[in-house]
N, C-alpha and C. Protein backbone atom coordinates (compact mmCIF):
# COMPACT_ATOMS: atom_id res chain seq x y z
N MET A 1 -238.16 -16.57 54.74
CA MET A 1 -238.70 -16.14 56.10
C MET A 1 -237.66 -16.69 56.79
N LYS A 2 -237.32 -15.24 57.49
CA LYS A 2 -235.98 -15.97 58.59
C LYS A 2 -236.52 -16.75 59.73
N THR A 3 -235.92 -17.22 60.55
CA THR A 3 -235.91 -18.30 61.28
C THR A 3 -236.69 -17.61 62.63
N PRO A 4 -236.29 -15.98 63.33
CA PRO A 4 -237.27 -15.17 63.81
C PRO A 4 -238.44 -15.19 63.26
N GLU A 5 -238.81 -15.05 62.43
CA GLU A 5 -239.89 -15.18 61.67
C GLU A 5 -240.76 -15.86 61.97
N LEU A 6 -240.36 -17.20 61.52
CA LEU A 6 -240.77 -18.38 61.83
C LEU A 6 -241.35 -18.97 63.29
N LEU A 7 -240.24 -18.45 64.31
CA LEU A 7 -240.47 -18.74 65.41
C LEU A 7 -242.38 -18.37 65.93
N GLU A 8 -242.13 -16.94 65.30
CA GLU A 8 -243.30 -16.23 65.72
C GLU A 8 -244.48 -16.46 65.41
N GLN A 9 -244.07 -16.77 63.97
CA GLN A 9 -245.86 -17.27 63.24
C GLN A 9 -246.11 -18.63 63.62
N PHE A 10 -245.08 -19.46 64.57
CA PHE A 10 -245.88 -20.79 65.00
C PHE A 10 -246.19 -20.29 66.60
N HIS A 11 -245.75 -19.20 67.34
CA HIS A 11 -245.63 -19.00 68.43
C HIS A 11 -247.41 -19.35 68.13
N ARG A 12 -247.71 -18.04 67.57
CA ARG A 12 -249.21 -16.60 66.71
C ARG A 12 -250.21 -18.20 66.34
N LEU A 13 -249.51 -19.23 65.65
CA LEU A 13 -250.61 -20.42 65.59
C LEU A 13 -250.91 -21.15 66.31
N LYS A 14 -249.47 -21.13 67.16
CA LYS A 14 -249.76 -22.52 68.32
C LYS A 14 -251.10 -21.93 69.79
N SER A 15 -250.59 -20.69 70.19
CA SER A 15 -251.57 -19.83 70.45
C SER A 15 -252.97 -20.13 70.58
N ASN A 16 -253.14 -19.33 68.96
CA ASN A 16 -254.39 -20.00 68.42
C ASN A 16 -255.28 -20.87 68.80
N ARG A 17 -254.65 -22.37 68.62
CA ARG A 17 -254.68 -22.88 69.44
C ARG A 17 -254.88 -23.74 70.78
N GLY A 18 -254.23 -22.92 71.59
CA GLY A 18 -254.65 -23.24 73.02
C GLY A 18 -253.20 -23.67 73.45
N LEU A 19 -251.98 -23.51 72.92
CA LEU A 19 -250.56 -24.17 73.03
C LEU A 19 -249.85 -22.88 73.92
N LYS A 20 -249.50 -23.88 74.95
CA LYS A 20 -248.51 -22.51 75.66
C LYS A 20 -246.99 -22.48 75.57
N ARG A 21 -246.72 -21.61 75.60
CA ARG A 21 -244.77 -21.46 75.11
C ARG A 21 -244.50 -22.04 76.14
N SER A 22 -242.82 -23.08 74.92
CA SER A 22 -242.33 -23.89 76.21
C SER A 22 -240.77 -23.23 75.65
N SER A 23 -239.82 -23.28 76.05
CA SER A 23 -238.35 -23.09 75.42
C SER A 23 -237.98 -24.28 74.87
N LYS A 24 -238.27 -25.42 75.31
CA LYS A 24 -237.37 -26.32 75.19
C LYS A 24 -237.93 -26.43 73.84
N ARG A 25 -239.29 -26.04 73.65
CA ARG A 25 -239.96 -26.19 71.77
C ARG A 25 -239.47 -25.85 71.16
N SER A 26 -239.22 -24.37 71.80
CA SER A 26 -238.45 -23.39 71.17
C SER A 26 -237.51 -23.18 70.96
N PHE A 27 -236.76 -23.91 71.53
CA PHE A 27 -235.06 -24.44 71.23
C PHE A 27 -235.07 -25.63 69.51
N VAL A 28 -235.91 -26.30 69.95
CA VAL A 28 -236.01 -26.82 68.52
C VAL A 28 -236.70 -26.75 67.71
N ILE A 29 -237.27 -26.03 67.68
CA ILE A 29 -237.09 -24.94 66.40
C ILE A 29 -236.81 -24.46 66.19
N ASP A 30 -236.25 -23.88 66.36
CA ASP A 30 -234.76 -22.56 66.35
C ASP A 30 -234.22 -23.82 65.71
N TYR A 31 -233.31 -24.65 66.35
CA TYR A 31 -231.78 -25.21 65.91
C TYR A 31 -233.13 -25.44 64.34
N PHE A 32 -233.75 -26.58 64.05
CA PHE A 32 -234.17 -27.04 63.10
C PHE A 32 -234.19 -26.24 62.14
N MET A 33 -235.31 -25.25 61.98
CA MET A 33 -235.09 -24.33 61.20
C MET A 33 -234.11 -23.54 60.55
N LYS A 34 -232.79 -23.99 61.24
CA LYS A 34 -231.76 -23.21 60.95
C LYS A 34 -230.39 -24.29 59.76
N GLN A 35 -231.13 -25.48 60.28
CA GLN A 35 -230.42 -26.83 59.49
C GLN A 35 -231.01 -26.81 58.09
N ASP A 36 -229.66 -27.58 57.48
CA ASP A 36 -230.05 -27.05 55.53
C ASP A 36 -230.06 -28.68 55.26
N ARG A 37 -230.88 -29.56 56.54
CA ARG A 37 -230.83 -31.29 55.88
C ARG A 37 -232.27 -31.78 56.23
N HIS A 38 -232.27 -33.06 56.09
CA HIS A 38 -234.01 -34.06 56.27
C HIS A 38 -233.47 -34.53 57.85
N TYR A 39 -234.20 -34.33 59.27
CA TYR A 39 -234.19 -35.25 59.83
C TYR A 39 -235.00 -35.94 60.16
N SER A 40 -235.03 -37.13 60.58
CA SER A 40 -235.61 -38.17 61.23
C SER A 40 -236.04 -37.62 63.30
N VAL A 41 -236.81 -38.24 63.37
CA VAL A 41 -237.29 -37.59 65.05
C VAL A 41 -235.95 -37.85 65.63
N GLU A 42 -235.83 -39.21 65.28
CA GLU A 42 -234.53 -39.74 66.85
C GLU A 42 -233.47 -38.80 65.82
N GLY A 43 -232.61 -38.23 65.19
CA GLY A 43 -231.38 -37.82 64.16
C GLY A 43 -231.58 -35.99 64.78
N LEU A 44 -232.77 -35.81 64.93
CA LEU A 44 -232.81 -34.31 65.79
C LEU A 44 -232.80 -35.07 67.22
N TYR A 45 -233.57 -35.19 66.89
CA TYR A 45 -233.50 -35.56 69.00
C TYR A 45 -232.08 -35.79 69.44
N GLU A 46 -231.22 -36.35 68.44
CA GLU A 46 -230.03 -37.12 69.59
C GLU A 46 -228.50 -35.17 68.80
N GLU A 47 -229.03 -35.01 67.88
CA GLU A 47 -228.16 -33.41 67.58
C GLU A 47 -228.63 -32.67 68.82
N VAL A 48 -229.93 -31.97 69.15
CA VAL A 48 -231.06 -31.30 70.34
C VAL A 48 -229.99 -31.85 71.51
N LYS A 49 -230.02 -32.43 71.90
CA LYS A 49 -229.73 -33.74 73.46
C LYS A 49 -228.44 -33.34 74.03
N ARG A 50 -227.65 -33.55 72.64
CA ARG A 50 -225.98 -32.91 73.23
C ARG A 50 -226.35 -31.20 73.69
N LEU A 51 -227.03 -30.18 72.55
CA LEU A 51 -226.69 -29.33 73.15
C LEU A 51 -228.21 -28.30 74.25
N ASN A 52 -228.67 -29.30 74.42
CA ASN A 52 -230.13 -29.10 75.78
C ASN A 52 -229.83 -30.47 76.17
N PRO A 53 -230.11 -31.11 76.77
CA PRO A 53 -229.59 -31.86 77.54
C PRO A 53 -231.26 -32.38 78.10
N GLY A 54 -231.68 -31.20 78.95
CA GLY A 54 -233.09 -31.08 79.18
C GLY A 54 -234.33 -31.62 78.17
N ILE A 55 -234.22 -31.48 77.18
CA ILE A 55 -235.09 -31.65 75.92
C ILE A 55 -235.57 -33.29 75.98
N SER A 56 -236.55 -33.98 76.03
CA SER A 56 -237.17 -35.63 76.02
C SER A 56 -237.66 -35.57 73.97
N TYR A 57 -237.63 -37.10 74.29
CA TYR A 57 -237.70 -37.26 72.63
C TYR A 57 -239.43 -36.64 72.10
N SER A 58 -239.75 -37.44 73.35
CA SER A 58 -241.60 -36.16 73.07
C SER A 58 -241.63 -35.23 72.48
N THR A 59 -240.35 -34.14 73.06
CA THR A 59 -240.58 -32.92 72.45
C THR A 59 -240.63 -32.56 71.47
N VAL A 60 -239.48 -33.71 71.30
CA VAL A 60 -238.92 -33.42 69.41
C VAL A 60 -240.51 -33.96 68.40
N TYR A 61 -240.43 -35.15 68.97
CA TYR A 61 -241.29 -35.75 68.64
C TYR A 61 -242.89 -34.99 67.82
N ARG A 62 -243.51 -34.28 68.96
CA ARG A 62 -244.84 -33.33 69.35
C ARG A 62 -244.40 -32.04 68.46
N THR A 63 -242.83 -31.69 68.34
CA THR A 63 -242.77 -30.38 67.72
C THR A 63 -242.70 -30.84 66.43
N LEU A 64 -241.74 -31.41 65.59
CA LEU A 64 -242.10 -31.11 64.88
C LEU A 64 -243.36 -31.79 63.80
N ASN A 65 -244.33 -33.24 64.70
CA ASN A 65 -245.15 -33.04 64.08
C ASN A 65 -246.50 -31.71 64.02
N LEU A 66 -246.42 -30.87 65.25
CA LEU A 66 -246.88 -29.91 64.97
C LEU A 66 -246.36 -28.86 64.27
N LEU A 67 -245.13 -29.22 63.81
CA LEU A 67 -244.78 -27.67 62.75
C LEU A 67 -245.38 -28.82 61.22
N VAL A 68 -245.06 -29.58 61.18
CA VAL A 68 -246.30 -30.03 59.74
C VAL A 68 -247.68 -29.86 59.89
N GLU A 69 -248.15 -30.37 60.90
CA GLU A 69 -249.83 -29.98 60.97
C GLU A 69 -250.10 -27.92 60.07
N LEU A 70 -249.04 -27.54 60.70
CA LEU A 70 -249.33 -25.99 60.90
C LEU A 70 -248.50 -25.21 59.56
N GLY A 71 -247.13 -26.59 58.65
CA GLY A 71 -247.20 -26.02 57.11
C GLY A 71 -246.38 -25.54 57.62
N LEU A 72 -245.26 -25.44 58.70
CA LEU A 72 -243.88 -24.83 59.11
C LEU A 72 -242.90 -25.81 58.88
N ALA A 73 -243.61 -27.07 58.21
CA ALA A 73 -242.25 -28.29 57.78
C ALA A 73 -242.97 -29.09 57.04
N THR A 74 -242.14 -29.83 56.42
CA THR A 74 -242.85 -30.82 55.86
C THR A 74 -241.71 -32.46 55.94
N ALA A 75 -243.12 -33.17 55.91
CA ALA A 75 -242.79 -35.05 57.01
C ALA A 75 -242.95 -36.22 55.06
N CYS A 76 -241.77 -36.76 54.84
CA CYS A 76 -241.70 -37.90 53.76
C CYS A 76 -241.05 -38.72 54.40
N ASP A 77 -241.90 -39.79 53.81
CA ASP A 77 -241.16 -41.48 54.07
C ASP A 77 -240.65 -41.73 52.40
N PHE A 78 -239.01 -41.94 52.75
CA PHE A 78 -237.87 -42.20 51.75
C PHE A 78 -237.68 -43.67 51.32
N GLY A 79 -239.55 -43.99 51.58
CA GLY A 79 -238.75 -45.69 51.96
C GLY A 79 -237.93 -46.41 52.75
N SER A 80 -237.69 -45.56 53.82
CA SER A 80 -237.14 -46.86 55.05
C SER A 80 -238.72 -47.05 55.55
N GLY A 81 -239.47 -46.06 55.64
CA GLY A 81 -240.19 -46.64 57.03
C GLY A 81 -240.16 -45.14 58.34
N ILE A 82 -239.24 -44.20 57.96
CA ILE A 82 -238.56 -43.55 58.92
C ILE A 82 -239.44 -42.37 58.23
N LEU A 83 -239.97 -41.19 58.90
CA LEU A 83 -240.54 -40.26 58.17
C LEU A 83 -239.60 -39.94 58.34
N LYS A 84 -238.74 -38.39 57.57
CA LYS A 84 -237.59 -37.70 57.48
C LYS A 84 -238.38 -36.13 58.05
N PHE A 85 -238.30 -34.91 58.61
CA PHE A 85 -238.91 -33.91 58.15
C PHE A 85 -237.89 -33.04 57.82
N GLU A 86 -237.95 -31.58 57.13
CA GLU A 86 -237.33 -30.30 56.67
C GLU A 86 -238.70 -29.34 56.47
N PRO A 87 -237.45 -28.24 57.08
CA PRO A 87 -238.36 -26.97 57.22
C PRO A 87 -239.14 -26.77 55.50
N ALA A 88 -239.83 -26.74 55.80
CA ALA A 88 -241.02 -25.89 54.32
C ALA A 88 -240.64 -24.57 53.44
N HIS A 89 -239.97 -24.13 54.51
CA HIS A 89 -239.66 -22.08 53.84
C HIS A 89 -238.02 -22.84 53.14
N ARG A 90 -237.36 -23.33 53.33
CA ARG A 90 -235.90 -23.90 52.85
C ARG A 90 -235.39 -23.85 51.77
N ALA A 91 -236.09 -24.84 50.72
CA ALA A 91 -235.53 -24.50 49.67
C ALA A 91 -236.77 -24.18 48.65
N GLY A 92 -237.97 -23.31 48.47
CA GLY A 92 -239.33 -24.07 47.84
C GLY A 92 -238.59 -25.25 47.51
N HIS A 93 -239.86 -25.86 46.37
CA HIS A 93 -240.30 -26.95 45.34
C HIS A 93 -238.56 -27.43 45.23
N HIS A 94 -238.59 -28.83 45.47
CA HIS A 94 -237.40 -29.12 44.99
C HIS A 94 -238.30 -31.17 45.24
N ASP A 95 -237.58 -31.31 44.58
CA ASP A 95 -237.39 -33.00 44.23
C ASP A 95 -236.20 -33.80 44.92
N HIS A 96 -236.18 -34.86 45.13
CA HIS A 96 -234.85 -35.78 45.71
C HIS A 96 -234.64 -36.60 45.39
N LEU A 97 -233.29 -37.08 45.51
CA LEU A 97 -232.35 -38.09 44.77
C LEU A 97 -232.79 -39.24 46.60
N VAL A 98 -232.29 -40.43 46.37
CA VAL A 98 -232.51 -40.74 47.20
C VAL A 98 -231.64 -42.40 47.34
N CYS A 99 -230.63 -42.56 47.88
CA CYS A 99 -229.75 -43.69 47.80
C CYS A 99 -229.97 -44.70 48.88
N ARG A 100 -230.45 -45.45 48.05
CA ARG A 100 -230.97 -47.13 48.52
C ARG A 100 -229.67 -47.37 49.84
N ARG A 101 -228.80 -47.16 49.42
CA ARG A 101 -227.66 -47.86 50.22
C ARG A 101 -227.36 -47.17 51.14
N CYS A 102 -226.69 -45.95 51.45
CA CYS A 102 -226.44 -45.34 52.88
C CYS A 102 -227.52 -44.38 53.28
N GLY A 103 -229.02 -44.06 52.49
CA GLY A 103 -229.92 -43.32 52.33
C GLY A 103 -229.64 -41.76 52.36
N ARG A 104 -229.11 -41.53 51.82
CA ARG A 104 -228.01 -40.16 51.37
C ARG A 104 -229.79 -39.77 50.66
N ILE A 105 -229.36 -38.15 50.70
CA ILE A 105 -231.01 -38.02 50.53
C ILE A 105 -230.74 -36.01 49.25
N ILE A 106 -230.62 -35.98 48.12
CA ILE A 106 -229.75 -35.06 47.54
C ILE A 106 -231.09 -34.11 46.75
N GLU A 107 -230.98 -33.51 46.85
CA GLU A 107 -231.96 -32.32 46.31
C GLU A 107 -231.61 -31.78 45.52
N PHE A 108 -232.32 -31.57 44.16
CA PHE A 108 -232.86 -30.50 42.89
C PHE A 108 -232.94 -30.19 43.21
N GLU A 109 -233.52 -29.63 42.00
CA GLU A 109 -234.53 -28.74 40.70
C GLU A 109 -234.37 -28.68 39.72
N ASN A 110 -235.21 -28.94 38.58
CA ASN A 110 -235.34 -28.65 37.30
C ASN A 110 -235.77 -28.15 36.57
N PRO A 111 -236.34 -27.08 35.85
CA PRO A 111 -237.06 -26.30 35.84
C PRO A 111 -237.38 -27.25 34.05
N GLU A 112 -237.18 -28.14 33.42
CA GLU A 112 -237.22 -28.73 32.31
C GLU A 112 -238.35 -29.55 32.81
N ILE A 113 -237.87 -30.16 33.88
CA ILE A 113 -238.94 -31.60 34.62
C ILE A 113 -240.40 -30.84 35.25
N GLU A 114 -240.04 -29.30 35.77
CA GLU A 114 -241.80 -29.24 35.52
C GLU A 114 -242.09 -28.18 34.55
N LYS A 115 -241.74 -27.93 33.65
CA LYS A 115 -242.54 -27.44 32.45
C LYS A 115 -243.48 -28.71 32.21
N LEU A 116 -242.52 -30.36 32.17
CA LEU A 116 -243.30 -31.13 31.44
C LEU A 116 -244.12 -31.61 32.14
N GLN A 117 -244.19 -31.59 33.74
CA GLN A 117 -244.89 -32.21 34.57
C GLN A 117 -246.68 -30.84 33.57
N ASN A 118 -246.08 -29.37 33.84
CA ASN A 118 -247.43 -28.90 33.73
C ASN A 118 -247.80 -29.50 32.26
N LYS A 119 -247.41 -29.55 31.33
CA LYS A 119 -247.72 -30.54 30.19
C LYS A 119 -248.22 -31.78 30.24
N VAL A 120 -248.30 -31.39 31.04
CA VAL A 120 -249.21 -33.36 30.91
C VAL A 120 -250.30 -33.05 31.67
N ALA A 121 -250.20 -32.43 33.12
CA ALA A 121 -251.55 -31.39 33.54
C ALA A 121 -252.13 -31.19 32.75
N LYS A 122 -251.46 -30.41 31.67
CA LYS A 122 -252.74 -29.65 30.75
C LYS A 122 -253.23 -30.11 30.28
N LYS A 123 -252.93 -31.37 29.82
CA LYS A 123 -253.23 -32.13 28.21
C LYS A 123 -254.27 -32.62 28.34
N TYR A 124 -254.72 -33.55 30.38
CA TYR A 124 -254.87 -34.24 30.58
C TYR A 124 -256.43 -33.34 30.96
N ARG A 125 -255.95 -31.43 31.26
CA ARG A 125 -256.93 -30.56 31.91
C ARG A 125 -257.04 -31.53 33.59
N PHE A 126 -256.05 -31.19 33.83
CA PHE A 126 -256.18 -31.79 35.29
C PHE A 126 -254.96 -30.57 36.06
N LEU A 127 -255.95 -29.95 37.12
CA LEU A 127 -255.47 -28.93 38.11
C LEU A 127 -254.31 -29.75 39.40
N VAL A 128 -252.78 -29.36 38.97
CA VAL A 128 -251.88 -29.96 40.33
C VAL A 128 -252.21 -28.52 41.43
N ASP A 129 -251.63 -29.25 42.34
CA ASP A 129 -252.25 -28.61 43.74
C ASP A 129 -250.82 -28.80 44.35
N SER A 130 -250.02 -29.79 44.33
CA SER A 130 -249.19 -30.53 45.26
C SER A 130 -248.46 -31.72 44.62
N HIS A 131 -247.05 -31.72 44.07
CA HIS A 131 -246.68 -33.31 43.93
C HIS A 131 -245.43 -33.17 44.46
N ARG A 132 -244.86 -34.18 44.33
CA ARG A 132 -243.13 -34.49 44.54
C ARG A 132 -242.73 -35.54 43.75
N MET A 133 -241.41 -35.94 43.84
CA MET A 133 -240.49 -36.56 43.48
C MET A 133 -239.00 -36.96 44.23
N GLU A 134 -239.54 -38.48 43.90
CA GLU A 134 -238.07 -38.90 44.91
C GLU A 134 -237.25 -39.79 43.33
N LEU A 135 -236.67 -39.72 43.15
CA LEU A 135 -236.15 -41.08 42.13
C LEU A 135 -234.93 -41.83 43.31
N TYR A 136 -235.03 -42.94 43.51
CA TYR A 136 -234.15 -43.94 43.71
C TYR A 136 -232.82 -44.31 43.54
N GLY A 137 -232.15 -44.61 43.52
CA GLY A 137 -230.70 -45.35 43.40
C GLY A 137 -229.85 -45.52 44.04
N LEU A 138 -228.46 -45.62 43.85
CA LEU A 138 -227.19 -45.42 44.44
C LEU A 138 -226.53 -43.87 44.22
N CYS A 139 -226.30 -43.87 45.98
CA CYS A 139 -225.62 -42.33 45.19
C CYS A 139 -223.89 -42.73 44.28
N GLU A 140 -223.09 -41.24 44.28
CA GLU A 140 -222.41 -41.60 43.48
C GLU A 140 -221.30 -42.11 43.90
N LYS A 141 -220.83 -42.30 45.27
CA LYS A 141 -220.21 -42.72 46.69
C LYS A 141 -220.32 -44.49 46.83
N CYS A 142 -222.12 -44.68 46.38
CA CYS A 142 -222.06 -45.68 47.19
C CYS A 142 -222.60 -47.09 45.45
N GLN A 143 -221.96 -46.15 44.05
CA GLN A 143 -221.79 -46.96 42.92
C GLN A 143 -219.98 -47.08 43.03
N LYS A 144 -219.47 -47.16 43.93
CA LYS A 144 -218.01 -47.30 44.08
C LYS A 144 -217.83 -49.02 44.28
N PRO A 145 -216.62 -49.52 43.06
CA PRO A 145 -217.02 -51.28 44.26
C PRO A 145 -216.13 -50.90 45.64
N ARG A 146 -217.15 -52.19 46.69
CA ARG A 146 -216.41 -51.63 47.62
C ARG A 146 -215.59 -52.41 48.17
N ARG A 147 -214.46 -52.59 49.00
CA ARG A 147 -212.71 -53.63 49.18
C ARG A 147 -213.19 -54.11 50.13
N ARG A 148 -212.65 -56.19 49.74
CA ARG A 148 -212.99 -57.22 50.27
C ARG A 148 -212.09 -57.01 51.04
N ASN A 149 -212.04 -57.23 52.43
CA ASN A 149 -211.19 -58.27 53.09
C ASN A 149 -210.40 -59.31 53.30
N GLN A 150 -209.70 -59.95 53.85
CA GLN A 150 -208.75 -60.86 53.37
C GLN A 150 -210.11 -62.05 53.64
N ASN A 151 -210.47 -62.17 54.36
CA ASN A 151 -212.17 -63.03 54.31
C ASN A 151 -213.20 -63.26 53.63
N GLY A 152 -212.80 -62.65 52.27
CA GLY A 152 -213.81 -61.99 51.42
C GLY A 152 -214.59 -61.01 52.29
N THR A 153 -215.75 -61.16 52.60
CA THR A 153 -216.24 -60.51 53.79
C THR A 153 -216.06 -58.89 53.41
N ASP A 154 -217.16 -58.07 53.40
CA ASP A 154 -216.98 -56.07 52.86
C ASP A 154 -216.48 -55.62 54.55
């Protein structure tokens, strides 16, 4: 689904709940839905504030949570205690590799893993309606030895 269609879907769902249209909320949604990454509320706020200084932190916070509530975004805590949001339409089902050092999130899809999960569910006669997989470790960049300065610190 393209961003204009998602915006319309959002406005329909929102008006069904008695919420008014807001140009600032629309700006946040439009910007967020076009991105190809995971955002914390703070991260998205910093980016949209540069483009539209009139947008408040609370507008970004409420908009992201409303998108999740309406099924148009997903939120996940990758172990840092900070929720990261991504548009629900963006990549279909995918899993994540999460770097414990720098926080980088790498998305991947693997049909073999999906087949194995289905096989396990079938074996236990379990009906899976959703799942998520996150693998934690160090990304390629963080695996490289750090250079030490003259006094022995990083």
